[in-house]
Amino acid sequence: MNAPERGMLAMAAGCEAPRTAAVASGVDAMVDENRFRDVMSHLVTGVALVTSRLDGSVHGLTVNAVSSVSLNPPLVLVCLDRSGNSHDPVIASGSFAVSVLASDQEEMAHRFARGTHRERFAGVEFRDSSSGSPVLPDALAWLDCAIRAVHPAGDHSIVVGEVLGCGAGEGDPLVFFRSEYGR
């Protein structure tokens, strides 16, 4: 199927026509930020905490952009907002942990999405991973990672980590869909 046929098919299905190569290359890259956010909110994602330890201080944030990259070696990526107060400490630490949240841990997602590092970690029990990064003990799953690469990508950094250790429990995941948490 050629590009015009794909465009006609998309319009017949009620979608906007796909952007051309010229548009994708930046000639007309005027996608409205709110529209883009709304469209992407239709993708169901898991919810996780990314945490690290730097010079004795713990840092962490809520993320929904986590993905496996490779099985050999085992690699994952997380996307961190470059303007967030956890971005620089997580990268400078050289390692991070991912705690995948269970369906009953929505409060943790909210807590780590706002507030200071001290407020985020106040009264929360964590265990240290082998890299020293904090892991939520009752997380649905966890990964302990050493940072292998950082790639700038717009207003975020794509952080690639080599998995040093991991584990999983039983239960249902906390998910994010249409800008709301759910099960």
C-alpha atoms as a PDB file:
ATOM      1  CA  MET A   1       0.000   0.000   0.000  1.00  0.00           C
ATOM      2  CA  ASN A   2       1.481   3.375  -0.973  1.00  0.00           C
ATOM      3  CA  ALA A   3       1.346   6.586   1.098  1.00  0.00           C
ATOM      4  CA  PRO A   4      -1.750   8.073  -0.608  1.00  0.00           C
ATOM      5  CA  GLU A   5      -3.636   4.788  -0.129  1.00  0.00           C
ATOM      6  CA  ARG A   6      -2.668   4.715   3.584  1.00  0.00           C
ATOM      7  CA  GLY A   7      -3.889   8.312   3.919  1.00  0.00           C
ATOM      8  CA  MET A   8      -7.227   7.494   2.303  1.00  0.00           C
ATOM      9  CA  LEU A   9      -7.624   4.431   4.522  1.00  0.00           C
ATOM     10  CA  ALA A  10      -6.883   6.501   7.628  1.00  0.00           C
ATOM     11  CA  MET A  11      -9.382   9.195   6.654  1.00  0.00           C
ATOM     12  CA  ALA A  12     -12.034   6.551   5.882  1.00  0.00           C
ATOM     13  CA  ALA A  13     -11.498   5.178   9.387  1.00  0.00           C
ATOM     14  CA  GLY A  14     -12.053   8.641  10.878  1.00  0.00           C
ATOM     15  CA  CYS A  15      -8.370   9.332  11.541  1.00  0.00           C
ATOM     16  CA  GLU A  16      -6.302  12.177  10.290  1.00  0.00           C
ATOM     17  CA  ALA A  17      -4.115  11.422   7.308  1.00  0.00           C
ATOM     18  CA  PRO A  18      -0.569  10.370   8.227  1.00  0.00           C
ATOM     19  CA  ARG A  19       2.059  13.087   8.096  1.00  0.00           C
ATOM     20  CA  THR A  20       4.354  13.171   5.111  1.00  0.00           C
ATOM     21  CA  ALA A  21       8.122  12.695   5.243  1.00  0.00           C
ATOM     22  CA  ALA A  22       8.517  16.458   4.770  1.00  0.00           C
ATOM     23  CA  VAL A  23       6.334  17.125   7.799  1.00  0.00           C
ATOM     24  CA  ALA A  24       8.055  14.436   9.879  1.00  0.00           C
ATOM     25  CA  SER A  25      11.426  15.982   9.068  1.00  0.00           C
ATOM     26  CA  GLY A  26      10.434  19.279  10.664  1.00  0.00           C
ATOM     27  CA  VAL A  27       9.160  21.301   7.718  1.00  0.00           C
ATOM     28  CA  ASP A  28       5.767  21.634   9.448  1.00  0.00           C
ATOM     29  CA  ALA A  29       6.217  20.197  12.923  1.00  0.00           C
ATOM     30  CA  MET A  30       3.376  22.167  14.518  1.00  0.00           C
ATOM     31  CA  VAL A  31       1.590  19.446  16.463  1.00  0.00           C
ATOM     32  CA  ASP A  32      -0.421  21.011  19.256  1.00  0.00           C
ATOM     33  CA  GLU A  33       1.012  19.910  22.624  1.00  0.00           C
ATOM     34  CA  ASN A  34      -2.424  19.408  24.201  1.00  0.00           C
ATOM     35  CA  ARG A  35      -3.669  17.362  21.237  1.00  0.00           C
ATOM     36  CA  PHE A  36      -0.527  15.232  21.339  1.00  0.00           C
ATOM     37  CA  ARG A  37      -0.954  14.668  25.092  1.00  0.00           C
ATOM     38  CA  ASP A  38      -4.607  13.694  24.571  1.00  0.00           C
ATOM     39  CA  VAL A  39      -3.790  11.275  21.752  1.00  0.00           C
ATOM     40  CA  MET A  40      -0.980   9.631  23.743  1.00  0.00           C
ATOM     41  CA  SER A  41      -3.256   9.307  26.786  1.00  0.00           C
ATOM     42  CA  HIS A  42      -5.072   6.583  24.858  1.00  0.00           C
ATOM     43  CA  LEU A  43      -2.057   4.305  25.240  1.00  0.00           C
ATOM     44  CA  VAL A  44      -2.384   2.211  28.402  1.00  0.00           C
ATOM     45  CA  THR A  45       0.860   2.227  30.369  1.00  0.00           C
ATOM     46  CA  GLY A  46       2.103   0.753  33.592  1.00  0.00           C
ATOM     47  CA  VAL A  47       3.187   3.025  36.438  1.00  0.00           C
ATOM     48  CA  ALA A  48       6.518   2.786  38.229  1.00  0.00           C
ATOM     49  CA  LEU A  49       8.832   4.625  40.577  1.00  0.00           C
ATOM     50  CA  VAL A  50      12.396   5.327  39.476  1.00  0.00           C
ATOM     51  CA  THR A  51      14.677   5.817  42.464  1.00  0.00           C
ATOM     52  CA  SER A  52      18.368   6.345  43.124  1.00  0.00           C
ATOM     53  CA  ARG A  53      20.813   7.314  45.831  1.00  0.00           C
ATOM     54  CA  LEU A  54      23.411  10.052  45.420  1.00  0.00           C
ATOM     55  CA  ASP A  55      25.807  11.117  48.178  1.00  0.00           C
ATOM     56  CA  GLY A  56      23.563   9.552  50.828  1.00  0.00           C
ATOM     57  CA  SER A  57      20.385  11.271  49.616  1.00  0.00           C
ATOM     58  CA  VAL A  58      17.514   9.385  48.003  1.00  0.00           C
ATOM     59  CA  HIS A  59      15.810  10.669  44.860  1.00  0.00           C
ATOM     60  CA  GLY A  60      12.796   9.393  42.978  1.00  0.00           C
ATOM     61  CA  LEU A  61       9.858  10.087  40.728  1.00  0.00           C
ATOM     62  CA  THR A  62       6.808   8.501  39.150  1.00  0.00           C
ATOM     63  CA  VAL A  63       7.174   7.398  35.519  1.00  0.00           C
ATOM     64  CA  ASN A  64       5.058   5.624  32.947  1.00  0.00           C
ATOM     65  CA  ALA A  65       7.693   5.392  30.209  1.00  0.00           C
ATOM     66  CA  VAL A  66       9.581   2.175  30.978  1.00  0.00           C
ATOM     67  CA  SER A  67      10.433  -0.447  28.395  1.00  0.00           C
ATOM     68  CA  SER A  68      12.637  -3.447  27.888  1.00  0.00           C
ATOM     69  CA  VAL A  69      15.298  -2.861  25.224  1.00  0.00           C
ATOM     70  CA  SER A  70      17.394  -6.027  25.037  1.00  0.00           C
ATOM     71  CA  LEU A  71      17.588  -9.502  26.530  1.00  0.00           C
ATOM     72  CA  ASN A  72      21.330  -9.933  25.961  1.00  0.00           C
ATOM     73  CA  PRO A  73      22.562  -7.935  27.738  1.00  0.00           C
ATOM     74  CA  PRO A  74      19.403  -7.216  29.722  1.00  0.00           C
ATOM     75  CA  LEU A  75      18.631  -3.530  29.118  1.00  0.00           C
ATOM     76  CA  VAL A  76      15.680  -1.286  29.954  1.00  0.00           C
ATOM     77  CA  LEU A  77      14.939   2.340  29.281  1.00  0.00           C
ATOM     78  CA  VAL A  78      13.189   4.966  31.351  1.00  0.00           C
ATOM     79  CA  CYS A  79      12.273   8.445  30.182  1.00  0.00           C
ATOM     80  CA  LEU A  80      12.904  11.286  32.624  1.00  0.00           C
ATOM     81  CA  ASP A  81      11.661  14.876  32.317  1.00  0.00           C
ATOM     82  CA  ARG A  82      14.790  17.020  32.061  1.00  0.00           C
ATOM     83  CA  SER A  83      13.145  19.845  34.046  1.00  0.00           C
ATOM     84  CA  GLY A  84      12.212  17.521  36.925  1.00  0.00           C
ATOM     85  CA  ASN A  85      14.102  17.792  40.205  1.00  0.00           C
ATOM     86  CA  SER A  86      15.057  14.091  40.105  1.00  0.00           C
ATOM     87  CA  HIS A  87      16.539  14.081  36.596  1.00  0.00           C
ATOM     88  CA  ASP A  88      20.070  15.238  37.398  1.00  0.00           C
ATOM     89  CA  PRO A  89      20.536  13.279  40.654  1.00  0.00           C
ATOM     90  CA  VAL A  90      19.306  10.020  39.083  1.00  0.00           C
ATOM     91  CA  ILE A  91      21.712  10.378  36.156  1.00  0.00           C
ATOM     92  CA  ALA A  92      24.624  11.539  38.336  1.00  0.00           C
ATOM     93  CA  SER A  93      24.162   8.515  40.636  1.00  0.00           C
ATOM     94  CA  GLY A  94      25.080   6.127  37.828  1.00  0.00           C
ATOM     95  CA  SER A  95      22.333   3.667  38.782  1.00  0.00           C
ATOM     96  CA  PHE A  96      18.615   3.494  39.406  1.00  0.00           C
ATOM     97  CA  ALA A  97      15.893   1.115  40.497  1.00  0.00           C
ATOM     98  CA  VAL A  98      12.453   0.683  38.971  1.00  0.00           C
ATOM     99  CA  SER A  99       9.613  -0.359  41.265  1.00  0.00           C
ATOM    100  CA  VAL A 100       6.565  -1.360  39.204  1.00  0.00           C
ATOM    101  CA  LEU A 101       3.471  -0.345  41.158  1.00  0.00           C
ATOM    102  CA  ALA A 102       0.612  -2.688  41.973  1.00  0.00           C
ATOM    103  CA  SER A 103      -3.033  -1.715  41.578  1.00  0.00           C
ATOM    104  CA  ASP A 104      -3.316  -0.800  45.283  1.00  0.00           C
ATOM    105  CA  GLN A 105      -0.340   1.604  45.189  1.00  0.00           C
ATOM    106  CA  GLU A 106      -1.916   4.633  43.515  1.00  0.00           C
ATOM    107  CA  GLU A 107      -1.067   6.793  46.543  1.00  0.00           C
ATOM    108  CA  MET A 108       2.637   6.084  45.894  1.00  0.00           C
ATOM    109  CA  ALA A 109       2.258   7.219  42.288  1.00  0.00           C
ATOM    110  CA  HIS A 110       0.724  10.517  43.452  1.00  0.00           C
ATOM    111  CA  ARG A 111       3.297  10.987  46.204  1.00  0.00           C
ATOM    112  CA  PHE A 112       6.297  10.558  43.897  1.00  0.00           C
ATOM    113  CA  ALA A 113       4.763  12.743  41.179  1.00  0.00           C
ATOM    114  CA  ARG A 114       4.932  15.864  43.347  1.00  0.00           C
ATOM    115  CA  GLY A 115       6.598  17.296  46.424  1.00  0.00           C
ATOM    116  CA  THR A 116      10.212  17.395  47.531  1.00  0.00           C
ATOM    117  CA  HIS A 117      12.458  14.347  47.791  1.00  0.00           C
ATOM    118  CA  ARG A 118      12.076  14.458  51.563  1.00  0.00           C
ATOM    119  CA  GLU A 119       8.251  14.487  51.266  1.00  0.00           C
ATOM    120  CA  ARG A 120       8.260  11.687  48.703  1.00  0.00           C
ATOM    121  CA  PHE A 121      10.291   9.324  50.888  1.00  0.00           C
ATOM    122  CA  ALA A 122       8.902  10.338  54.330  1.00  0.00           C
ATOM    123  CA  GLY A 123       7.571   7.287  56.150  1.00  0.00           C
ATOM    124  CA  VAL A 124       8.014   4.986  53.156  1.00  0.00           C
ATOM    125  CA  GLU A 125       9.898   1.740  53.703  1.00  0.00           C
ATOM    126  CA  PHE A 126      12.419   0.859  51.033  1.00  0.00           C
ATOM    127  CA  ARG A 127      15.135  -1.744  50.829  1.00  0.00           C
ATOM    128  CA  ASP A 128      18.444  -1.088  49.135  1.00  0.00           C
ATOM    129  CA  SER A 129      19.214  -2.900  45.905  1.00  0.00           C
ATOM    130  CA  SER A 130      22.732  -4.112  45.198  1.00  0.00           C
ATOM    131  CA  SER A 131      23.492  -0.776  43.481  1.00  0.00           C
ATOM    132  CA  GLY A 132      22.262   1.117  46.541  1.00  0.00           C
ATOM    133  CA  SER A 133      19.118   2.403  44.841  1.00  0.00           C
ATOM    134  CA  PRO A 134      15.960   2.149  46.961  1.00  0.00           C
ATOM    135  CA  VAL A 135      13.366  -0.476  45.962  1.00  0.00           C
ATOM    136  CA  LEU A 136       9.772  -0.527  47.206  1.00  0.00           C
ATOM    137  CA  PRO A 137       9.538  -3.924  48.990  1.00  0.00           C
ATOM    138  CA  ASP A 138       5.915  -4.581  48.044  1.00  0.00           C
ATOM    139  CA  ALA A 139       6.240  -3.470  44.415  1.00  0.00           C
ATOM    140  CA  LEU A 140       4.666  -5.727  41.819  1.00  0.00           C
ATOM    141  CA  ALA A 141       8.095  -6.046  40.174  1.00  0.00           C
ATOM    142  CA  TRP A 142      11.490  -4.390  40.484  1.00  0.00           C
ATOM    143  CA  LEU A 143      14.675  -3.828  38.488  1.00  0.00           C
ATOM    144  CA  ASP A 144      18.083  -2.696  39.704  1.00  0.00           C
ATOM    145  CA  CYS A 145      20.031  -0.982  36.913  1.00  0.00           C
ATOM    146  CA  ALA A 146      23.399   0.548  36.099  1.00  0.00           C
ATOM    147  CA  ILE A 147      23.176   3.470  33.684  1.00  0.00           C
ATOM    148  CA  ARG A 148      24.798   2.607  30.346  1.00  0.00           C
ATOM    149  CA  ALA A 149      23.631   5.520  28.158  1.00  0.00           C
ATOM    150  CA  VAL A 150      21.673   8.765  28.316  1.00  0.00           C
ATOM    151  CA  HIS A 151      20.117  10.190  25.156  1.00  0.00           C
ATOM    152  CA  PRO A 152      18.538  13.658  25.045  1.00  0.00           C
ATOM    153  CA  ALA A 153      15.085  13.518  23.434  1.00  0.00           C
ATOM    154  CA  GLY A 154      13.140  16.767  23.382  1.00  0.00           C
ATOM    155  CA  ASP A 155      12.222  17.743  26.939  1.00  0.00           C
ATOM    156  CA  HIS A 156      13.158  14.293  28.281  1.00  0.00           C
ATOM    157  CA  SER A 157      16.205  12.077  28.574  1.00  0.00           C
ATOM    158  CA  ILE A 158      16.059   8.437  27.539  1.00  0.00           C
ATOM    159  CA  VAL A 159      18.097   6.619  30.182  1.00  0.00           C
ATOM    160  CA  VAL A 160      19.267   3.115  29.275  1.00  0.00           C
ATOM    161  CA  GLY A 161      20.099   0.845  32.182  1.00  0.00           C
ATOM    162  CA  GLU A 162      21.699  -2.575  32.313  1.00  0.00           C
ATOM    163  CA  VAL A 163      19.690  -4.792  34.648  1.00  0.00           C
ATOM    164  CA  LEU A 164      21.821  -6.021  37.565  1.00  0.00           C
ATOM    165  CA  GLY A 165      18.970  -7.731  39.407  1.00  0.00           C
ATOM    166  CA  CYS A 166      15.206  -8.080  39.185  1.00  0.00           C
ATOM    167  CA  GLY A 167      12.220  -9.771  40.723  1.00  0.00           C
ATOM    168  CA  ALA A 168       8.445  -9.971  40.558  1.00  0.00           C
ATOM    169  CA  GLY A 169       5.535 -10.830  42.804  1.00  0.00           C
ATOM    170  CA  GLU A 170       1.877 -11.582  42.280  1.00  0.00           C
ATOM    171  CA  GLY A 171      -0.947  -9.138  41.723  1.00  0.00           C
ATOM    172  CA  ASP A 172      -2.422  -6.681  39.287  1.00  0.00           C
ATOM    173  CA  PRO A 173      -0.581  -3.629  37.940  1.00  0.00           C
ATOM    174  CA  LEU A 174      -1.472   0.010  38.424  1.00  0.00           C
ATOM    175  CA  VAL A 175      -2.163   1.418  34.977  1.00  0.00           C
ATOM    176  CA  PHE A 176      -2.481   4.897  33.510  1.00  0.00           C
ATOM    177  CA  PHE A 177      -5.079   5.541  30.786  1.00  0.00           C
ATOM    178  CA  ARG A 178      -6.716   8.759  29.555  1.00  0.00           C
ATOM    179  CA  SER A 179      -4.789  10.703  32.243  1.00  0.00           C
ATOM    180  CA  GLU A 180      -6.218   8.626  35.089  1.00  0.00           C
ATOM    181  CA  TYR A 181      -4.987   5.762  37.225  1.00  0.00           C
ATOM    182  CA  GLY A 182      -6.852   2.490  37.064  1.00  0.00           C
ATOM    183  CA  ARG A 183      -6.634  -1.271  37.395  1.00  0.00           C
END
